[in-house]
Structure formats: C-alpha cells, structure tokens
C-alpha cells in the first residue's frame, strides 16, 4: 500500500455502491471501477477521474484495496473465484473488503483461500440507506484485527459516518446478520400490527400515534408505517423484500450453526418468504404491509 492514499478498486455500483464510489473519488482516492450492465451509474464517477477495468483481475492488479459491494455470497464468490477473478491474481499486500451481507461460512472460506496468497479479506458490511451512501454517511461494522482496522479506517471514512470495529475477522458479517434480523423483525411486527388494526377496526393512525410516543418507537417503524400513512408511501426503507428474504435465510443458517433457538428468526424468514411468493419480492420492505393486506383480506395502504 502506498504511503499516500491507497489505490482503491470498486466492484458493484448499485444503489449503495454508487454513493460509496462517488465519495471515494471526491475525497481523492485513486479509483478504478468495474462497470456492468448499467453504465449510467458510472458516468459521474468516471467523469470525476476514476478509471475503468475490463475484468475483476485487472481491477485487483491495479489496486491496493478492493471493495466489493454486491448482493451476497454467490456474487462475492463469483468475483473471487470466477473467470478472471481476484483469487487468480491475489498477492501479498492486497486487501479485499467485502461490504455485502454474506454467509459467515463463505466468508471464512474466502478469507482462508486468499490468506494463502498473502491477501487480507476483511468483512465490512453496511447499515443505513442509499441516501446516506450518497451523503457519505453510512455505518459499517468491520471484522478485522486491530492493525488492519486502523489501516483501513481512512478508506471507510470516505463513505461512512460511524465506523464500528465489530471484532476479529468474520464478526462484521455475523453482526450484520443479527442487525438485519432485528430490523426485519420490527418491520414484520409492524406490518402484522397494521393488519390486526385493519381487521379489528382499530385506527392505524392511533396505533402510529401511540407507538411514536413510547419506547416501542423506532426508525424502522417510522420508515414503514409512518411513511405508509403519508399518502401510501411504501418506499421509506429502500431494501427489497427479495434481499430481506436472503438475509434472513443467511441468519437462520448462522443461528442453526451455533446453535441457538431462532424461533423468531424462523417466523420472520417465513413471513418474508410468503411476501415473495405473493409477488412482492422486487418491492421494498414496507410492502410487507401489502402482503398482509392480501393475507388478511383487508385494506391498509391509503391510495
């Protein structure tokens, strides 16, 4: 790694990745990106001086730190092990940072395989939304040894407001799964509560008023029920139900591996599976309320 700012390679210019890469470029990090189908997402980043790599291997060869911002473990494994992948060109001194929500077992395997080539593999998944990504105000939970965490902190500071050292390698991804389990549990309970109100005749506006004034209130509740009550806005939490289902699947597998009695996790996962089967997979988390409308045969969302 150079004595000045490290050369950063970035793979995954999606909803979260675009803002992260934009902030890295704006804060002076020499940046190389991989552009896939949506070239529009890269236009302003390339215009800001980033260069484009044709393959993942080319990107890794020209970078000190490679940041992956993709959906989950299958996508990460393809980037690492696939044709022209990172594993083939891994070298002493390279650091790969995985910001996805991934399965701990997969993370451990990749970390071990890259360590054999002298490459460090760091898990640093994210919290907050694309809005905060654009603003450079994400949260990250980092699984790394103390020295590597300190070394990478200036990179994380380019796109994060809160940088939490979760613990040793692997603990970032574990903490993220637990975080997402709690978040989706709140969203699932809120949607079910709306259905109970609608079926019984209790005012959902009064439910919102009571919850907002007490200890049960949360950001997730306001992004789902609060926004829904504002002219039927279901886009407050920009995270698809397909991805939510994937994350809870990872969580329940992780819980089973410990093992713990993941009774609530299993119920939340199945609620998300149901919402996907009902056709809401490409919609955001607040559409759990629409799923409850179908299941309970009630009208909840104002139109």
Protein backbone atom coordinates (compact mmCIF):
# COMPACT_ATOMS: atom_id res chain seq x y z
CA UNK A 1 0.00 0.00 0.00
CA UNK A 2 1.36 3.43 -0.88
CA UNK A 3 2.33 5.94 1.80
CA UNK A 4 -0.30 8.36 0.50
CA UNK A 5 -3.90 7.37 -0.25
CA UNK A 6 -4.19 3.73 -1.34
CA UNK A 7 -5.38 2.85 -4.82
CA UNK A 8 -8.96 1.61 -4.45
CA UNK A 9 -10.76 -0.77 -6.79
CA UNK A 10 -14.56 -0.82 -6.54
CA UNK A 11 -16.92 -3.54 -7.77
CA UNK A 12 -20.69 -3.01 -7.50
CA UNK A 13 -22.01 0.43 -8.49
CA UNK A 14 -25.58 -0.27 -7.38
CA UNK A 15 -27.91 1.63 -5.04
CA UNK A 16 -25.35 1.66 -2.23
CA UNK A 17 -22.16 1.32 -4.24
CA UNK A 18 -22.67 4.37 -6.41
CA UNK A 19 -22.60 6.76 -3.45
CA UNK A 20 -19.66 4.97 -1.85
CA UNK A 21 -17.56 5.13 -5.03
CA UNK A 22 -18.59 8.74 -5.65
CA UNK A 23 -17.37 9.73 -2.20
CA UNK A 24 -14.10 7.83 -2.56
CA UNK A 25 -13.39 9.70 -5.81
CA UNK A 26 -14.43 13.05 -4.31
CA UNK A 27 -12.06 12.55 -1.37
CA UNK A 28 -9.05 11.94 -3.57
CA UNK A 29 -8.64 8.17 -3.60
CA UNK A 30 -7.20 6.89 -6.90
CA UNK A 31 -10.20 4.84 -8.04
CA UNK A 32 -10.72 2.01 -10.50
CA UNK A 33 -14.23 0.63 -11.11
CA UNK A 34 -15.89 -2.28 -12.84
CA UNK A 35 -18.91 -1.31 -14.91
CA UNK A 36 -21.54 -3.94 -15.66
CA UNK A 37 -24.87 -3.57 -17.41
CA UNK A 38 -25.87 -0.16 -16.10
CA UNK A 39 -23.22 2.19 -17.46
CA UNK A 40 -25.28 5.21 -16.44
CA UNK A 41 -24.44 4.56 -12.79
CA UNK A 42 -20.74 5.03 -13.58
CA UNK A 43 -20.91 8.16 -15.73
CA UNK A 44 -20.32 10.74 -12.99
CA UNK A 45 -17.71 8.57 -11.27
CA UNK A 46 -15.71 8.14 -14.48
CA UNK A 47 -16.12 11.85 -15.18
CA UNK A 48 -14.63 12.53 -11.73
CA UNK A 49 -11.43 10.77 -12.78
CA UNK A 50 -11.97 7.09 -11.99
CA UNK A 51 -10.61 4.62 -14.50
CA UNK A 52 -12.45 1.53 -15.73
CA UNK A 53 -11.15 -2.04 -15.55
CA UNK A 54 -12.35 -4.65 -18.02
CA UNK A 55 -12.09 -7.59 -15.60
CA UNK A 56 -12.05 -8.20 -11.86
CA UNK A 57 -8.47 -9.47 -12.16
CA UNK A 58 -7.36 -6.30 -13.94
CA UNK A 59 -9.00 -4.20 -11.24
CA UNK A 60 -7.27 -6.17 -8.46
CA UNK A 61 -3.90 -5.89 -10.17
CA UNK A 62 -4.12 -2.10 -10.22
CA UNK A 63 -5.44 -1.67 -6.65
CA UNK A 64 -4.13 -1.79 -3.08
CA UNK A 65 -7.65 -2.15 -1.63
CA UNK A 66 -10.56 -3.78 -3.49
CA UNK A 67 -14.06 -3.03 -2.20
CA UNK A 68 -16.93 -5.38 -3.10
CA UNK A 69 -20.47 -4.01 -2.83
CA UNK A 70 -22.72 -6.74 -4.23
CA UNK A 71 -25.81 -8.62 -3.06
CA UNK A 72 -24.49 -11.65 -1.20
CA UNK A 73 -22.24 -14.69 -1.07
CA UNK A 74 -22.93 -16.14 -4.57
CA UNK A 75 -21.98 -12.82 -6.20
CA UNK A 76 -18.89 -12.43 -4.00
CA UNK A 77 -17.76 -15.98 -4.75
CA UNK A 78 -18.12 -15.35 -8.49
CA UNK A 79 -15.97 -12.21 -8.24
CA UNK A 80 -13.31 -14.06 -6.23
CA UNK A 81 -13.25 -17.47 -7.91
CA UNK A 82 -14.84 -16.89 -11.34
CA UNK A 83 -13.20 -16.32 -14.70
CA UNK A 84 -10.61 -13.51 -14.42
CA UNK A 85 -11.37 -13.44 -10.70
CA UNK A 86 -9.48 -11.92 -7.81
CA UNK A 87 -8.20 -15.24 -6.46
CA UNK A 88 -6.13 -15.82 -9.58
CA UNK A 89 -4.16 -12.60 -9.10
CA UNK A 90 -4.21 -12.35 -5.29
CA UNK A 91 -0.86 -11.23 -3.93
CA UNK A 92 0.98 -10.19 -0.79
CA UNK A 93 -0.24 -6.81 0.47
CA UNK A 94 -3.61 -6.75 -1.34
CA UNK A 95 -6.65 -6.14 0.86
CA UNK A 96 -10.17 -7.18 -0.22
CA UNK A 97 -13.06 -5.55 1.66
CA UNK A 98 -16.44 -7.27 1.40
CA UNK A 99 -19.28 -4.85 2.24
CA UNK A 100 -22.07 -7.27 1.25
CA UNK A 101 -24.37 -9.16 3.61
CA UNK A 102 -22.83 -12.61 3.36
CA UNK A 103 -22.87 -16.06 4.91
CA UNK A 104 -20.18 -16.40 7.61
CA UNK A 105 -19.19 -19.86 6.36
CA UNK A 106 -18.49 -18.48 2.86
CA UNK A 107 -16.61 -15.51 4.33
CA UNK A 108 -14.35 -17.84 6.33
CA UNK A 109 -13.56 -19.98 3.26
CA UNK A 110 -12.69 -16.98 1.08
CA UNK A 111 -10.58 -15.47 3.86
CA UNK A 112 -8.59 -18.70 4.20
CA UNK A 113 -8.10 -19.14 0.45
CA UNK A 114 -6.88 -15.55 -0.03
CA UNK A 115 -4.66 -15.71 3.07
CA UNK A 116 -2.72 -18.49 1.36
CA UNK A 117 -1.67 -15.91 -1.23
CA UNK A 118 -0.90 -13.18 1.27
CA UNK A 119 -4.14 -11.26 0.65
CA UNK A 120 -6.21 -9.99 3.57
CA UNK A 121 -10.00 -10.44 3.37
CA UNK A 122 -11.97 -8.01 5.54
CA UNK A 123 -15.72 -8.10 6.17
CA UNK A 124 -17.19 -4.59 6.50
CA UNK A 125 -20.95 -4.76 5.80
CA UNK A 126 -23.09 -1.64 5.80
CA UNK A 127 -26.10 -0.13 7.50
CA UNK A 128 -28.37 2.79 6.52
CA UNK A 129 -29.72 3.51 3.04
CA UNK A 130 -28.70 4.72 -0.44
CA UNK A 131 -29.47 8.27 0.70
CA UNK A 132 -26.74 8.11 3.34
CA UNK A 133 -24.44 6.36 0.83
CA UNK A 134 -24.69 9.40 -1.46
CA UNK A 135 -24.06 11.68 1.52
CA UNK A 136 -21.03 9.67 2.70
CA UNK A 137 -22.85 8.88 5.96
CA UNK A 138 -23.18 5.09 6.04
CA UNK A 139 -22.47 2.91 9.06
CA UNK A 140 -20.09 -0.02 8.76
CA UNK A 141 -19.25 -2.90 11.09
CA UNK A 142 -15.74 -4.18 10.46
CA UNK A 143 -14.34 -7.64 11.11
CA UNK A 144 -10.55 -7.25 11.22
CA UNK A 145 -7.53 -7.30 13.52
CA UNK A 146 -6.69 -4.02 15.26
CA UNK A 147 -3.82 -3.07 12.93
CA UNK A 148 -5.78 -3.68 9.73
CA UNK A 149 -8.79 -1.84 11.11
CA UNK A 150 -6.63 1.22 11.84
CA UNK A 151 -5.04 0.99 8.40
CA UNK A 152 -8.39 0.92 6.60
CA UNK A 153 -10.21 3.48 8.73
CA UNK A 154 -9.31 6.41 6.40
CA UNK A 155 -10.85 4.48 3.48
CA UNK A 156 -14.05 3.77 5.41
CA UNK A 157 -14.18 7.43 6.50
CA UNK A 158 -14.66 8.44 2.86
CA UNK A 159 -18.18 6.96 2.81
CA UNK A 160 -19.08 6.25 6.45
CA UNK A 161 -20.17 8.37 9.39
CA UNK A 162 -19.95 5.61 12.00
CA UNK A 163 -17.17 3.00 11.76
CA UNK A 164 -17.61 0.21 14.30
CA UNK A 165 -14.90 -2.36 14.94
CA UNK A 166 -17.13 -5.43 15.30
CA UNK A 167 -14.26 -7.68 16.35
CA UNK A 168 -11.91 -10.14 14.65
CA UNK A 169 -12.29 -11.26 11.02
CA UNK A 170 -15.78 -12.65 10.39
CA UNK A 171 -17.52 -10.71 13.14
CA UNK A 172 -18.63 -7.95 10.76
CA UNK A 173 -20.76 -10.30 8.71
CA UNK A 174 -22.10 -12.03 11.82
CA UNK A 175 -23.09 -8.71 13.41
CA UNK A 176 -24.75 -7.57 10.17
CA UNK A 177 -26.94 -10.69 10.07
CA UNK A 178 -28.01 -10.10 13.67
CA UNK A 179 -28.67 -6.42 12.89
CA UNK A 180 -30.81 -7.30 9.87
CA UNK A 181 -32.69 -9.96 11.82
CA UNK A 182 -33.69 -7.31 14.36
CA UNK A 183 -34.60 -4.77 11.65
CA UNK A 184 -36.79 -7.22 9.71
CA UNK A 185 -38.40 -8.45 12.93
CA UNK A 186 -39.55 -4.89 13.67
CA UNK A 187 -40.80 -4.38 10.10
CA UNK A 188 -42.63 -7.73 10.14
CA UNK A 189 -44.27 -7.00 13.50
CA UNK A 190 -45.30 -3.52 12.31
CA UNK A 191 -46.98 -4.91 9.19
CA UNK A 192 -48.80 -7.57 11.21
CA UNK A 193 -49.91 -4.93 13.71
CA UNK A 194 -51.40 -2.89 10.86
CA UNK A 195 -53.35 -5.94 9.72
CA UNK A 196 -54.64 -6.52 13.26
CA UNK A 197 -55.80 -2.91 13.38
CA UNK A 198 -57.48 -3.08 9.98
CA UNK A 199 -59.24 -6.37 10.75
CA UNK A 200 -60.47 -5.24 14.16
CA UNK A 201 -61.41 -1.70 13.21
CA UNK A 202 -58.74 -0.06 15.40
CA UNK A 203 -57.33 3.13 13.87
CA UNK A 204 -53.88 2.66 12.36
CA UNK A 205 -53.32 6.40 12.80
CA UNK A 206 -53.92 5.97 16.53
CA UNK A 207 -51.52 2.98 16.55
CA UNK A 208 -48.91 5.22 14.92
CA UNK A 209 -49.59 7.94 17.49
CA UNK A 210 -49.22 5.56 20.44
CA UNK A 211 -46.06 3.86 19.16
CA UNK A 212 -44.47 7.18 18.19
CA UNK A 213 -44.94 8.48 21.74
CA UNK A 214 -43.44 5.48 23.53
CA UNK A 215 -40.47 3.15 23.91
CA UNK A 216 -41.62 0.85 21.09
CA UNK A 217 -40.93 3.59 18.53
CA UNK A 218 -38.05 3.06 16.08
CA UNK A 219 -36.64 4.29 12.81
CA UNK A 220 -37.84 1.11 11.11
CA UNK A 221 -41.40 1.68 12.36
CA UNK A 222 -41.41 5.24 11.04
CA UNK A 223 -39.93 4.22 7.67
CA UNK A 224 -42.63 1.56 7.23
CA UNK A 225 -45.85 2.59 8.98
CA UNK A 226 -45.10 6.31 9.28
CA UNK A 227 -44.29 6.69 5.58
CA UNK A 228 -47.19 4.42 4.59
CA UNK A 229 -49.61 6.77 6.34
CA UNK A 230 -48.18 9.65 4.26
CA UNK A 231 -50.24 9.10 1.11
CA UNK A 232 -49.37 5.41 0.84
CA UNK A 233 -45.58 5.82 0.55
CA UNK A 234 -44.01 2.34 0.74
CA UNK A 235 -40.52 3.42 -0.30
CA UNK A 236 -39.21 4.67 3.04
CA UNK A 237 -36.82 1.75 3.55
CA UNK A 238 -35.15 1.17 0.18
CA UNK A 239 -34.32 -2.52 0.60
CA UNK A 240 -36.13 -5.14 -1.45
CA UNK A 241 -38.10 -7.98 0.07
CA UNK A 242 -36.09 -10.40 -2.07
CA UNK A 243 -32.88 -9.24 -0.40
CA UNK A 244 -34.55 -9.23 3.02
CA UNK A 245 -35.58 -12.87 2.49
CA UNK A 246 -31.99 -13.73 1.51
CA UNK A 247 -30.56 -12.05 4.61
CA UNK A 248 -32.96 -13.86 6.95
CA UNK A 249 -32.11 -17.14 5.23
CA UNK A 250 -28.44 -16.43 5.99
CA UNK A 251 -29.35 -15.51 9.57
CA UNK A 252 -31.32 -18.69 10.25
CA UNK A 253 -28.47 -20.82 8.86
CA UNK A 254 -26.00 -18.91 11.01
CA UNK A 255 -28.21 -19.35 14.09
CA UNK A 256 -28.54 -23.08 13.41
CA UNK A 257 -24.75 -23.41 13.14
CA UNK A 258 -24.21 -22.05 16.67
CA UNK A 259 -26.82 -23.42 17.59
CA UNK A 260 -29.44 -21.15 19.18
CA UNK A 261 -33.23 -21.43 19.25
CA UNK A 262 -34.01 -18.99 16.42
CA UNK A 263 -37.79 -19.18 16.82
CA UNK A 264 -38.43 -15.53 15.98
CA UNK A 265 -35.86 -15.61 13.15
CA UNK A 266 -37.62 -18.56 11.56
CA UNK A 267 -41.00 -16.85 11.75
CA UNK A 268 -39.66 -13.63 10.25
CA UNK A 269 -37.96 -15.57 7.46
CA UNK A 270 -41.17 -17.39 6.59
CA UNK A 271 -43.11 -14.11 6.59
CA UNK A 272 -40.60 -12.76 4.07
CA UNK A 273 -40.82 -15.96 2.01
CA UNK A 274 -44.61 -15.54 1.95
CA UNK A 275 -44.34 -11.92 0.79
CA UNK A 276 -42.04 -13.03 -2.03
CA UNK A 277 -44.40 -15.84 -3.04
CA UNK A 278 -47.22 -13.31 -3.18
CA UNK A 279 -45.23 -11.33 -5.76
CA UNK A 280 -43.71 -8.53 -3.67
CA UNK A 281 -40.05 -9.57 -3.97
CA UNK A 282 -38.98 -6.61 -6.09
CA UNK A 283 -40.77 -4.14 -3.80
CA UNK A 284 -39.32 -2.53 -0.68
CA UNK A 285 -39.67 -3.77 2.91
CA UNK A 286 -42.75 -1.68 3.68
CA UNK A 287 -44.64 -3.79 1.15
CA UNK A 288 -44.87 -6.36 3.93
CA UNK A 289 -48.00 -4.30 4.64
CA UNK A 290 -49.32 -5.10 1.14
CA UNK A 291 -48.59 -8.76 1.80
CA UNK A 292 -50.66 -8.55 4.99
CA UNK A 293 -53.49 -6.92 3.02
CA UNK A 294 -53.64 -9.99 0.77
CA UNK A 295 -53.34 -12.49 3.60
CA UNK A 296 -55.94 -10.84 5.85
CA UNK A 297 -58.26 -9.59 3.11
CA UNK A 298 -58.15 -6.03 4.42
CA UNK A 299 -57.29 -2.57 3.10
CA UNK A 300 -54.41 -0.86 4.91
CA UNK A 301 -52.43 1.32 2.50
CA UNK A 302 -54.18 4.63 1.64
CA UNK A 303 -54.39 5.18 -2.12
